[in-house]
Amino acid sequence: MGNREDLLAGARQVILERGVAKATARDIATAAGVSLAAIGYHFGSKDELISAALTESLGSGIGDAMEAVVDETAALPLVDGFAALFDRMPEIFAANREALVASFENSVMVWRDEAASRTLAGAMNEAHLGIVDVLRSARPELSAEDLDAIAKLEFVLVQSLGLLWIISPESLPTGAELARAVTAIAGNGGTSAPGR
């Protein structure tokens, strides 16, 4: 591994051991076995490094698990695949609990750091585009606009349900309840948003 990859691994290790708030640049550099200056060289700041490490960790944890469910359910009607995905999210959240908690902690902390906020915003856009790619592969019959809209809905739901799961896991709606809501909205409101 190079210094960049070592730093990402060191950041993940320190975050999981101590949490985002207690992760220092020196601790991360020590865990990575690199100089403190390497953080600035490769990431600009400790906050940007932490955001990158969490994004990578969640992408490979939650993102890969979501992709597996989408692939498994590709033969089902779209709404049934959607329901199956969100029925599995509590299990996926549980398997990635520490990274999920750290990610929310980091989101609040970087709010005051413009560069780290931009890094996080870029990572969120990449996550959305990743969902589009997964859906395109599983559901090639969908239009680009539908793929984008579904990916945005899934991204927003995963973010909000992840926070709800941390606070009150028993409060999560089932996939069937979410699918019913989407179906009811589409059935009662047509397929176009008002004013479009």
C-alpha atoms as a PDB file:
ATOM      1  CA  MET A   1       0.000   0.000   0.000  1.00  0.00           C
ATOM      2  CA  GLY A   2       1.039   3.611  -0.541  1.00  0.00           C
ATOM      3  CA  ASN A   3       0.841   6.436   1.972  1.00  0.00           C
ATOM      4  CA  ARG A   4      -2.645   7.436   0.810  1.00  0.00           C
ATOM      5  CA  GLU A   5      -4.054   3.938   1.332  1.00  0.00           C
ATOM      6  CA  ASP A   6      -2.167   3.589   4.629  1.00  0.00           C
ATOM      7  CA  LEU A   7      -3.738   6.840   5.830  1.00  0.00           C
ATOM      8  CA  LEU A   8      -7.229   5.686   4.891  1.00  0.00           C
ATOM      9  CA  ALA A   9      -6.693   2.407   6.754  1.00  0.00           C
ATOM     10  CA  GLY A  10      -5.176   4.225   9.742  1.00  0.00           C
ATOM     11  CA  ALA A  11      -8.075   6.670   9.862  1.00  0.00           C
ATOM     12  CA  ARG A  12     -10.636   3.857   9.795  1.00  0.00           C
ATOM     13  CA  GLN A  13      -8.796   2.069  12.599  1.00  0.00           C
ATOM     14  CA  VAL A  14      -8.588   5.163  14.825  1.00  0.00           C
ATOM     15  CA  ILE A  15     -12.204   6.189  14.129  1.00  0.00           C
ATOM     16  CA  LEU A  16     -13.519   2.757  15.044  1.00  0.00           C
ATOM     17  CA  GLU A  17     -11.386   2.622  18.200  1.00  0.00           C
ATOM     18  CA  ARG A  18     -11.992   6.181  19.461  1.00  0.00           C
ATOM     19  CA  GLY A  19     -14.752   7.814  17.427  1.00  0.00           C
ATOM     20  CA  VAL A  20     -14.497  10.795  15.113  1.00  0.00           C
ATOM     21  CA  ALA A  21     -14.329  13.456  17.836  1.00  0.00           C
ATOM     22  CA  LYS A  22     -11.326  11.854  19.531  1.00  0.00           C
ATOM     23  CA  ALA A  23      -9.421  10.939  16.361  1.00  0.00           C
ATOM     24  CA  THR A  24      -6.314  13.103  16.169  1.00  0.00           C
ATOM     25  CA  ALA A  25      -4.115  13.622  13.143  1.00  0.00           C
ATOM     26  CA  ARG A  26      -1.140  12.308  15.121  1.00  0.00           C
ATOM     27  CA  ASP A  27      -3.004   9.120  16.090  1.00  0.00           C
ATOM     28  CA  ILE A  28      -4.016   8.522  12.472  1.00  0.00           C
ATOM     29  CA  ALA A  29      -0.474   9.113  11.173  1.00  0.00           C
ATOM     30  CA  THR A  30       0.912   6.759  13.827  1.00  0.00           C
ATOM     31  CA  ALA A  31      -1.639   4.044  13.000  1.00  0.00           C
ATOM     32  CA  ALA A  32      -0.815   4.464   9.300  1.00  0.00           C
ATOM     33  CA  GLY A  33       2.939   4.396   9.897  1.00  0.00           C
ATOM     34  CA  VAL A  34       3.466   7.634   7.968  1.00  0.00           C
ATOM     35  CA  SER A  35       4.474  11.185   8.794  1.00  0.00           C
ATOM     36  CA  LEU A  36       1.962  13.744  10.030  1.00  0.00           C
ATOM     37  CA  ALA A  37       2.711  15.866   6.943  1.00  0.00           C
ATOM     38  CA  ALA A  38       1.395  13.072   4.707  1.00  0.00           C
ATOM     39  CA  ILE A  39      -2.161  13.884   5.802  1.00  0.00           C
ATOM     40  CA  GLY A  40      -1.918  17.416   4.423  1.00  0.00           C
ATOM     41  CA  TYR A  41      -0.145  16.258   1.293  1.00  0.00           C
ATOM     42  CA  HIS A  42      -2.678  13.568   0.383  1.00  0.00           C
ATOM     43  CA  PHE A  43      -5.935  14.941   1.832  1.00  0.00           C
ATOM     44  CA  GLY A  44      -5.497  18.603   2.763  1.00  0.00           C
ATOM     45  CA  SER A  45      -6.702  18.145   6.339  1.00  0.00           C
ATOM     46  CA  LYS A  46      -7.548  15.541   8.944  1.00  0.00           C
ATOM     47  CA  ASP A  47     -11.266  16.241   8.457  1.00  0.00           C
ATOM     48  CA  GLU A  48     -11.044  15.578   4.720  1.00  0.00           C
ATOM     49  CA  LEU A  49      -9.124  12.359   5.408  1.00  0.00           C
ATOM     50  CA  ILE A  50     -11.769  11.208   7.897  1.00  0.00           C
ATOM     51  CA  SER A  51     -14.565  11.973   5.416  1.00  0.00           C
ATOM     52  CA  ALA A  52     -12.741  10.025   2.702  1.00  0.00           C
ATOM     53  CA  ALA A  53     -12.097   7.064   5.024  1.00  0.00           C
ATOM     54  CA  LEU A  54     -15.726   6.904   6.146  1.00  0.00           C
ATOM     55  CA  THR A  55     -17.016   7.256   2.603  1.00  0.00           C
ATOM     56  CA  GLU A  56     -14.829   4.383   1.462  1.00  0.00           C
ATOM     57  CA  SER A  57     -15.807   2.252   4.444  1.00  0.00           C
ATOM     58  CA  LEU A  58     -19.547   2.825   3.991  1.00  0.00           C
ATOM     59  CA  GLY A  59     -19.299   2.400   0.240  1.00  0.00           C
ATOM     60  CA  SER A  60     -17.733  -0.998   0.605  1.00  0.00           C
ATOM     61  CA  GLY A  61     -19.970  -1.973   3.532  1.00  0.00           C
ATOM     62  CA  ILE A  62     -23.430  -0.538   2.969  1.00  0.00           C
ATOM     63  CA  GLY A  63     -23.022   0.154  -0.752  1.00  0.00           C
ATOM     64  CA  ASP A  64     -21.810  -3.326  -1.635  1.00  0.00           C
ATOM     65  CA  ALA A  65     -24.543  -4.947   0.491  1.00  0.00           C
ATOM     66  CA  MET A  66     -27.219  -2.828  -1.216  1.00  0.00           C
ATOM     67  CA  GLU A  67     -25.812  -3.763  -4.619  1.00  0.00           C
ATOM     68  CA  ALA A  68     -26.036  -7.456  -3.731  1.00  0.00           C
ATOM     69  CA  VAL A  69     -29.730  -7.106  -2.795  1.00  0.00           C
ATOM     70  CA  VAL A  70     -30.521  -5.164  -5.974  1.00  0.00           C
ATOM     71  CA  ASP A  71     -28.796  -7.862  -8.039  1.00  0.00           C
ATOM     72  CA  GLU A  72     -30.600 -10.655  -6.149  1.00  0.00           C
ATOM     73  CA  THR A  73     -33.998  -9.055  -6.754  1.00  0.00           C
ATOM     74  CA  ALA A  74     -33.508  -7.940 -10.369  1.00  0.00           C
ATOM     75  CA  ALA A  75     -36.022 -10.523 -11.651  1.00  0.00           C
ATOM     76  CA  LEU A  76     -38.765  -9.265  -9.314  1.00  0.00           C
ATOM     77  CA  PRO A  77     -41.138  -6.444 -10.196  1.00  0.00           C
ATOM     78  CA  LEU A  78     -39.433  -3.135  -9.421  1.00  0.00           C
ATOM     79  CA  VAL A  79     -41.616  -2.318  -6.405  1.00  0.00           C
ATOM     80  CA  ASP A  80     -40.980  -5.781  -4.906  1.00  0.00           C
ATOM     81  CA  GLY A  81     -37.219  -5.327  -5.341  1.00  0.00           C
ATOM     82  CA  PHE A  82     -37.515  -1.940  -3.632  1.00  0.00           C
ATOM     83  CA  ALA A  83     -39.413  -3.525  -0.721  1.00  0.00           C
ATOM     84  CA  ALA A  84     -36.852  -6.334  -0.418  1.00  0.00           C
ATOM     85  CA  LEU A  85     -33.991  -3.830  -0.326  1.00  0.00           C
ATOM     86  CA  PHE A  86     -35.499  -1.840   2.519  1.00  0.00           C
ATOM     87  CA  ASP A  87     -36.477  -4.980   4.426  1.00  0.00           C
ATOM     88  CA  ARG A  88     -32.754  -5.845   4.438  1.00  0.00           C
ATOM     89  CA  MET A  89     -31.498  -2.399   5.484  1.00  0.00           C
ATOM     90  CA  PRO A  90     -31.680  -3.037   9.278  1.00  0.00           C
ATOM     91  CA  GLU A  91     -29.405  -6.056   8.803  1.00  0.00           C
ATOM     92  CA  ILE A  92     -27.063  -4.013   6.592  1.00  0.00           C
ATOM     93  CA  PHE A  93     -27.007  -1.154   9.110  1.00  0.00           C
ATOM     94  CA  ALA A  94     -26.229  -3.602  11.929  1.00  0.00           C
ATOM     95  CA  ALA A  95     -23.305  -5.073  10.002  1.00  0.00           C
ATOM     96  CA  ASN A  96     -21.898  -1.555   9.523  1.00  0.00           C
ATOM     97  CA  ARG A  97     -22.948   0.011  12.821  1.00  0.00           C
ATOM     98  CA  GLU A  98     -19.663   1.597  13.898  1.00  0.00           C
ATOM     99  CA  ALA A  99     -18.947   3.131  10.493  1.00  0.00           C
ATOM    100  CA  LEU A 100     -22.538   4.380  10.248  1.00  0.00           C
ATOM    101  CA  VAL A 101     -22.391   6.059  13.673  1.00  0.00           C
ATOM    102  CA  ALA A 102     -19.000   7.580  12.844  1.00  0.00           C
ATOM    103  CA  SER A 103     -20.337   8.853   9.532  1.00  0.00           C
ATOM    104  CA  PHE A 104     -23.194  10.731  11.191  1.00  0.00           C
ATOM    105  CA  GLU A 105     -20.820  12.085  13.828  1.00  0.00           C
ATOM    106  CA  ASN A 106     -18.490  13.264  11.076  1.00  0.00           C
ATOM    107  CA  SER A 107     -21.318  14.884   9.096  1.00  0.00           C
ATOM    108  CA  VAL A 108     -22.105  17.183  12.022  1.00  0.00           C
ATOM    109  CA  MET A 109     -18.440  17.959  12.670  1.00  0.00           C
ATOM    110  CA  VAL A 110     -17.540  18.901   9.075  1.00  0.00           C
ATOM    111  CA  TRP A 111     -20.470  21.268   8.780  1.00  0.00           C
ATOM    112  CA  ARG A 112     -18.199  24.109   9.952  1.00  0.00           C
ATOM    113  CA  ASP A 113     -15.264  23.124   7.707  1.00  0.00           C
ATOM    114  CA  GLU A 114     -15.884  24.294   4.140  1.00  0.00           C
ATOM    115  CA  ALA A 115     -13.272  22.057   2.501  1.00  0.00           C
ATOM    116  CA  ALA A 116     -14.368  18.969   4.426  1.00  0.00           C
ATOM    117  CA  SER A 117     -18.015  19.786   3.621  1.00  0.00           C
ATOM    118  CA  ARG A 118     -17.167  19.916  -0.082  1.00  0.00           C
ATOM    119  CA  THR A 119     -15.395  16.562   0.205  1.00  0.00           C
ATOM    120  CA  LEU A 120     -18.433  15.051   1.921  1.00  0.00           C
ATOM    121  CA  ALA A 121     -20.818  16.579  -0.645  1.00  0.00           C
ATOM    122  CA  GLY A 122     -18.697  15.089  -3.427  1.00  0.00           C
ATOM    123  CA  ALA A 123     -18.800  11.706  -1.720  1.00  0.00           C
ATOM    124  CA  MET A 124     -22.588  11.908  -1.441  1.00  0.00           C
ATOM    125  CA  ASN A 125     -22.837  12.661  -5.150  1.00  0.00           C
ATOM    126  CA  GLU A 126     -20.592   9.669  -5.882  1.00  0.00           C
ATOM    127  CA  ALA A 127     -22.842   7.476  -3.716  1.00  0.00           C
ATOM    128  CA  HIS A 128     -25.895   8.618  -5.673  1.00  0.00           C
ATOM    129  CA  LEU A 129     -24.136   7.910  -8.985  1.00  0.00           C
ATOM    130  CA  GLY A 130     -23.087   4.513  -7.646  1.00  0.00           C
ATOM    131  CA  ILE A 131     -26.738   3.660  -6.960  1.00  0.00           C
ATOM    132  CA  VAL A 132     -27.620   4.781 -10.500  1.00  0.00           C
ATOM    133  CA  ASP A 133     -24.968   2.409 -11.903  1.00  0.00           C
ATOM    134  CA  VAL A 134     -26.211  -0.522  -9.815  1.00  0.00           C
ATOM    135  CA  LEU A 135     -29.812   0.093 -10.849  1.00  0.00           C
ATOM    136  CA  ARG A 136     -28.856   0.520 -14.528  1.00  0.00           C
ATOM    137  CA  SER A 137     -27.156  -2.863 -14.466  1.00  0.00           C
ATOM    138  CA  ALA A 138     -30.086  -4.591 -12.728  1.00  0.00           C
ATOM    139  CA  ARG A 139     -32.890  -2.696 -14.472  1.00  0.00           C
ATOM    140  CA  PRO A 140     -31.694  -1.773 -17.996  1.00  0.00           C
ATOM    141  CA  GLU A 141     -35.286  -1.179 -19.124  1.00  0.00           C
ATOM    142  CA  LEU A 142     -35.548   1.990 -16.997  1.00  0.00           C
ATOM    143  CA  SER A 143     -34.994   5.422 -18.505  1.00  0.00           C
ATOM    144  CA  ALA A 144     -32.083   7.568 -17.339  1.00  0.00           C
ATOM    145  CA  GLU A 145     -34.557   9.913 -15.636  1.00  0.00           C
ATOM    146  CA  ASP A 146     -36.258   7.060 -13.761  1.00  0.00           C
ATOM    147  CA  LEU A 147     -32.899   5.592 -12.723  1.00  0.00           C
ATOM    148  CA  ASP A 148     -31.804   8.983 -11.382  1.00  0.00           C
ATOM    149  CA  ALA A 149     -35.074   9.540  -9.506  1.00  0.00           C
ATOM    150  CA  ILE A 150     -35.071   6.071  -7.926  1.00  0.00           C
ATOM    151  CA  ALA A 151     -31.404   6.405  -6.953  1.00  0.00           C
ATOM    152  CA  LYS A 152     -32.107   9.755  -5.269  1.00  0.00           C
ATOM    153  CA  LEU A 153     -35.067   8.297  -3.385  1.00  0.00           C
ATOM    154  CA  GLU A 154     -33.050   5.284  -2.246  1.00  0.00           C
ATOM    155  CA  PHE A 155     -30.111   7.474  -1.202  1.00  0.00           C
ATOM    156  CA  VAL A 156     -32.327   9.794   0.850  1.00  0.00           C
ATOM    157  CA  LEU A 157     -34.147   6.867   2.448  1.00  0.00           C
ATOM    158  CA  VAL A 158     -30.905   5.078   3.357  1.00  0.00           C
ATOM    159  CA  GLN A 159     -29.508   8.249   4.942  1.00  0.00           C
ATOM    160  CA  SER A 160     -32.635   9.012   6.960  1.00  0.00           C
ATOM    161  CA  LEU A 161     -33.350   5.391   7.884  1.00  0.00           C
ATOM    162  CA  GLY A 162     -29.723   4.961   8.953  1.00  0.00           C
ATOM    163  CA  LEU A 163     -30.093   7.792  11.440  1.00  0.00           C
ATOM    164  CA  LEU A 164     -33.466   6.478  12.620  1.00  0.00           C
ATOM    165  CA  TRP A 165     -31.975   2.984  13.002  1.00  0.00           C
ATOM    166  CA  ILE A 166     -29.213   4.350  15.252  1.00  0.00           C
ATOM    167  CA  ILE A 167     -31.709   6.152  17.469  1.00  0.00           C
ATOM    168  CA  SER A 168     -34.656   3.745  17.436  1.00  0.00           C
ATOM    169  CA  PRO A 169     -34.161   0.563  15.377  1.00  0.00           C
ATOM    170  CA  GLU A 170     -37.675  -0.685  16.129  1.00  0.00           C
ATOM    171  CA  SER A 171     -39.146   2.459  14.514  1.00  0.00           C
ATOM    172  CA  LEU A 172     -38.027   1.630  10.978  1.00  0.00           C
ATOM    173  CA  PRO A 173     -40.818   1.068   8.472  1.00  0.00           C
ATOM    174  CA  THR A 174     -40.780  -2.214   6.606  1.00  0.00           C
ATOM    175  CA  GLY A 175     -39.903  -2.403   2.963  1.00  0.00           C
ATOM    176  CA  ALA A 176     -43.523  -3.319   2.251  1.00  0.00           C
ATOM    177  CA  GLU A 177     -44.736  -0.160   4.019  1.00  0.00           C
ATOM    178  CA  LEU A 178     -42.357   2.022   2.005  1.00  0.00           C
ATOM    179  CA  ALA A 179     -43.313   0.278  -1.237  1.00  0.00           C
ATOM    180  CA  ARG A 180     -46.997   0.735  -0.399  1.00  0.00           C
ATOM    181  CA  ALA A 181     -46.429   4.460   0.132  1.00  0.00           C
ATOM    182  CA  VAL A 182     -44.601   4.825  -3.190  1.00  0.00           C
ATOM    183  CA  THR A 183     -47.310   2.834  -4.978  1.00  0.00           C
ATOM    184  CA  ALA A 184     -50.088   4.870  -3.364  1.00  0.00           C
ATOM    185  CA  ILE A 185     -48.424   8.148  -4.308  1.00  0.00           C
ATOM    186  CA  ALA A 186     -47.922   6.989  -7.892  1.00  0.00           C
ATOM    187  CA  GLY A 187     -51.454   5.576  -8.094  1.00  0.00           C
ATOM    188  CA  ASN A 188     -53.151   8.668  -6.707  1.00  0.00           C
ATOM    189  CA  GLY A 189     -50.936  11.368  -8.079  1.00  0.00           C
ATOM    190  CA  GLY A 190     -49.999  10.131 -11.532  1.00  0.00           C
ATOM    191  CA  THR A 191     -46.440   9.794 -12.694  1.00  0.00           C
ATOM    192  CA  SER A 192     -45.498  13.464 -12.971  1.00  0.00           C
ATOM    193  CA  ALA A 193     -44.642  15.834 -10.177  1.00  0.00           C
ATOM    194  CA  PRO A 194     -46.934  18.885  -9.918  1.00  0.00           C
ATOM    195  CA  GLY A 195     -45.809  21.726 -12.146  1.00  0.00           C
ATOM    196  CA  ARG A 196     -43.746  19.491 -14.463  1.00  0.00           C
END
